[in-house]
Amino acid sequence: MKIGLSIISMRASEHAAAAALADALNYDSIWYGEHIVLPHNTDFPVKPQPYGPQELLDPLVLLAGLAAKTSRIRLATGILMLPLRPPIMAARQILAIDHVSNGRFDMAVGLGWLQDEYDAAGTDMRTRGARLDEQLDLIDRLFQPGDISFEGRYYRVAPTRFEPKPVQRPRPPFLVGGVSEAALKRAARWDGWYGVVHTVDDFLAHRDQIERFRGAIGRVGMPFEYVLVYHEGLPCAGAPSRAELEELAIAGVDRVVVTPWGYDYANALPRIAEYAGEIGLSS
């Protein structure tokens, strides 16, 4: 079982120390999601709201910086709201992280749910699903060998070179977040699912759906990763015990992303080390 660490609910000043500590303690990966705005009137789906001090940074810029502070641990977005961004610019940023980390980057993407963020970005929220599909196709094409061109409904790239190509082949992994049928179908097309569930049975139901979708498009047997954000009342809060991790591994989960400090933001750094000891990472 691979154990990832979500650091979005930490103080911004502690991110570099957290990444270096997690790297030394054998965590598998560091995950950082995004919100570009959180208006005061935001109605979060669950309470309390999950982002601690609300010191939110751009995930792609942050992960590029953390690449220089680490040597082994993987660096991942969880999630990146790709429809808020021009895909050609996002591709350049993804490529940069892949290179400066020597191939340690994973990208989990999703749509988000907050209208204010799409308004602030000047982007139509109603078309976000269709645009995400097209963005993933475009970025995948940009990372393939040779010159490229792309003609879609929302995005167009004239024939051009796009160099260098990623360190990882054929490209950094694309994982898709979400639990709707559309999200599960989207995940089935790519390299993995980044999901939030409440129980093992809940996970198994979603996994079975994804496997059916993968079968329908001929992707059974191809590499695919199931990544769960551990849910203790809301996303990114808490961490499972060693016994719970073993149960998830038996169910077919490949990686669990945890936040060992829960809502105790002031003790985030100590809890990273304590939790590693509790589950045997640092042994």
Foldseek 3Di string as FASTA:
>chain_A
DAEEAECQQAAPVCPLVQLLVCQQLQHAAYEYEDDPDDDPPDDDPFPDDARHPPNGDDQLVVLLVSLVSHQGHAYEYPAYQVQLDDLVVVLVSQQSSLVSNVRRYAYEYEHDDDPVRCVVSVHDSVCSLVVVLQSVVVSLQLQADDWDWDDDPPDTGHTDHRDDHGSDPSGHFYEYEDQDLSRLLSRLVTAEYEYEDDDLVRVLVSVVSSVVSNVVVVNPPPHYAYEYQYDDRHGQFADDALVVVVVNVVSPHDYYYHQHCGNVNVCRNVSSVVVSVRNVSND
